[in-house]
Amino acid sequence: MEKKVLVRQTPAVVASTPAAQAAPAKPPAPPTVEERLAGTEALNIWNEIKNRPIDVFAIPNQVVSMYFHPAIVEPSKLYLVMTKATAALPALEASVGKQFTVEQINKYVAVSRVVDI
């Protein structure tokens, strides 16, 4: 005599409220600034300087990305927005050294490579 094994089927999981059932799917997240700058000179400059040490208020273990964030203005230069203290601007100039030029243009800080002649 064979024994039959009964398998209990579980119902599919459904949303518990009508509002949850009617809610549309979330749209995809918009691309980040770094994704939108992909393949440009601005992104290359940002990747070079974002982890450089910066000396603001003599506090140790600070990097450029703690005080500045990239903005999309034009692809040939890196445009940064200051997020904390304006005292970070001279510290940025000291941090990037003689490889880049740093200038403030309205609310942005433009960083570009020094052109050797």
Protein backbone atom coordinates (compact mmCIF):
# COMPACT_ATOMS: atom_id res chain seq x y z
CA MET A 1 0.00 0.00 0.00
CA GLU A 2 1.46 3.34 -1.05
CA LYS A 3 1.20 6.39 1.11
CA LYS A 4 0.28 9.59 -0.60
CA VAL A 5 1.97 12.76 0.57
CA LEU A 6 -0.20 15.82 0.43
CA VAL A 7 1.64 19.02 -0.39
CA ARG A 8 0.13 22.16 0.94
CA GLN A 9 0.19 24.99 -1.56
CA THR A 10 0.73 28.47 -0.21
CA PRO A 11 -1.19 31.31 -1.77
CA ALA A 12 0.74 33.96 -3.69
CA VAL A 13 1.72 37.00 -1.68
CA VAL A 14 -0.38 40.00 -2.61
CA ALA A 15 -0.46 43.55 -1.39
CA SER A 16 -2.57 43.83 1.71
CA THR A 17 -4.44 47.07 0.99
CA PRO A 18 -6.21 48.31 -2.11
CA ALA A 19 -4.02 51.42 -2.12
CA ALA A 20 -0.88 49.30 -2.17
CA GLN A 21 -2.31 47.22 -4.99
CA ALA A 22 -3.11 50.30 -7.07
CA ALA A 23 0.23 52.06 -6.45
CA PRO A 24 2.36 52.33 -9.59
CA ALA A 25 5.87 50.93 -9.67
CA LYS A 26 8.63 53.33 -8.62
CA PRO A 27 10.32 55.09 -11.54
CA PRO A 28 14.05 54.50 -11.95
CA ALA A 29 16.32 56.85 -10.02
CA PRO A 30 17.74 59.73 -12.06
CA PRO A 31 21.42 59.41 -12.97
CA THR A 32 23.92 60.89 -10.55
CA VAL A 33 26.12 63.83 -11.50
CA GLU A 34 29.09 61.50 -11.86
CA GLU A 35 27.10 59.25 -14.21
CA ARG A 36 26.09 62.27 -16.29
CA LEU A 37 29.72 63.45 -16.47
CA ALA A 38 30.96 60.04 -17.68
CA GLY A 39 33.61 60.26 -20.40
CA THR A 40 34.36 63.96 -19.90
CA GLU A 41 37.44 65.84 -18.81
CA ALA A 42 35.44 67.15 -15.85
CA LEU A 43 34.99 63.61 -14.50
CA ASN A 44 38.68 62.83 -15.03
CA ILE A 45 39.66 65.90 -12.99
CA TRP A 46 37.12 65.03 -10.26
CA ASN A 47 38.46 61.48 -9.98
CA GLU A 48 41.98 62.87 -9.55
CA ILE A 49 41.21 65.44 -6.87
CA LYS A 50 38.22 64.15 -4.87
CA ASN A 51 40.33 62.05 -2.47
CA ARG A 52 43.21 64.49 -2.08
CA PRO A 53 43.84 65.69 1.46
CA ILE A 54 42.71 69.22 2.22
CA ASP A 55 43.76 71.32 5.20
CA VAL A 56 40.76 73.31 6.45
CA PHE A 57 40.87 74.64 10.01
CA ALA A 58 43.82 72.28 10.74
CA ILE A 59 41.44 69.34 11.19
CA PRO A 60 43.08 66.06 10.17
CA ASN A 61 41.77 63.41 7.75
CA GLN A 62 39.77 65.67 5.44
CA VAL A 63 39.47 65.30 1.68
CA VAL A 64 38.23 67.54 -1.13
CA SER A 65 34.93 65.66 -1.53
CA MET A 66 33.95 66.64 2.02
CA TYR A 67 33.76 70.32 1.03
CA PHE A 68 32.97 70.28 -2.71
CA HIS A 69 30.58 68.46 -5.05
CA PRO A 70 30.68 68.45 -8.86
CA ALA A 71 28.09 70.30 -10.90
CA ILE A 72 27.22 69.99 -14.57
CA VAL A 73 28.06 73.19 -16.43
CA GLU A 74 30.40 72.28 -19.27
CA PRO A 75 32.43 69.11 -19.93
CA SER A 76 35.86 70.68 -20.53
CA LYS A 77 36.26 72.05 -16.96
CA LEU A 78 35.22 70.74 -13.59
CA TYR A 79 32.73 72.98 -11.83
CA LEU A 80 32.37 72.49 -8.09
CA VAL A 81 29.84 73.72 -5.56
CA MET A 82 31.10 74.52 -2.06
CA THR A 83 29.00 72.63 0.47
CA LYS A 84 30.44 73.77 3.79
CA ALA A 85 32.92 76.53 4.60
CA THR A 86 34.17 79.10 2.11
CA ALA A 87 37.57 78.75 3.79
CA ALA A 88 37.92 75.55 1.80
CA LEU A 89 38.66 77.49 -1.40
CA PRO A 90 42.25 78.49 -0.51
CA ALA A 91 42.76 75.01 0.91
CA LEU A 92 41.61 73.52 -2.41
CA GLU A 93 44.11 75.70 -4.28
CA ALA A 94 46.88 74.48 -2.00
CA SER A 95 45.75 70.86 -2.32
CA VAL A 96 45.68 70.63 -6.11
CA GLY A 97 49.02 72.38 -6.39
CA LYS A 98 50.42 73.48 -9.72
CA GLN A 99 48.65 70.83 -11.80
CA PHE A 100 45.30 72.65 -11.88
CA THR A 101 44.01 76.20 -11.94
CA VAL A 102 41.25 77.08 -9.50
CA GLU A 103 38.99 80.10 -9.93
CA GLN A 104 35.68 81.16 -8.48
CA ILE A 105 32.99 81.98 -11.03
CA ASN A 106 29.77 83.21 -9.41
CA LYS A 107 28.55 80.33 -7.22
CA TYR A 108 30.89 77.75 -8.78
CA VAL A 109 34.56 76.93 -8.39
CA ALA A 110 36.06 76.07 -11.79
CA VAL A 111 38.99 73.64 -11.85
CA SER A 112 40.93 73.04 -15.05
CA ARG A 113 44.27 71.57 -15.99
CA VAL A 114 47.26 73.87 -16.37
CA VAL A 115 48.26 74.08 -20.03
CA ASP A 116 52.01 73.73 -20.58
CA ILE A 117 53.33 75.89 -23.39
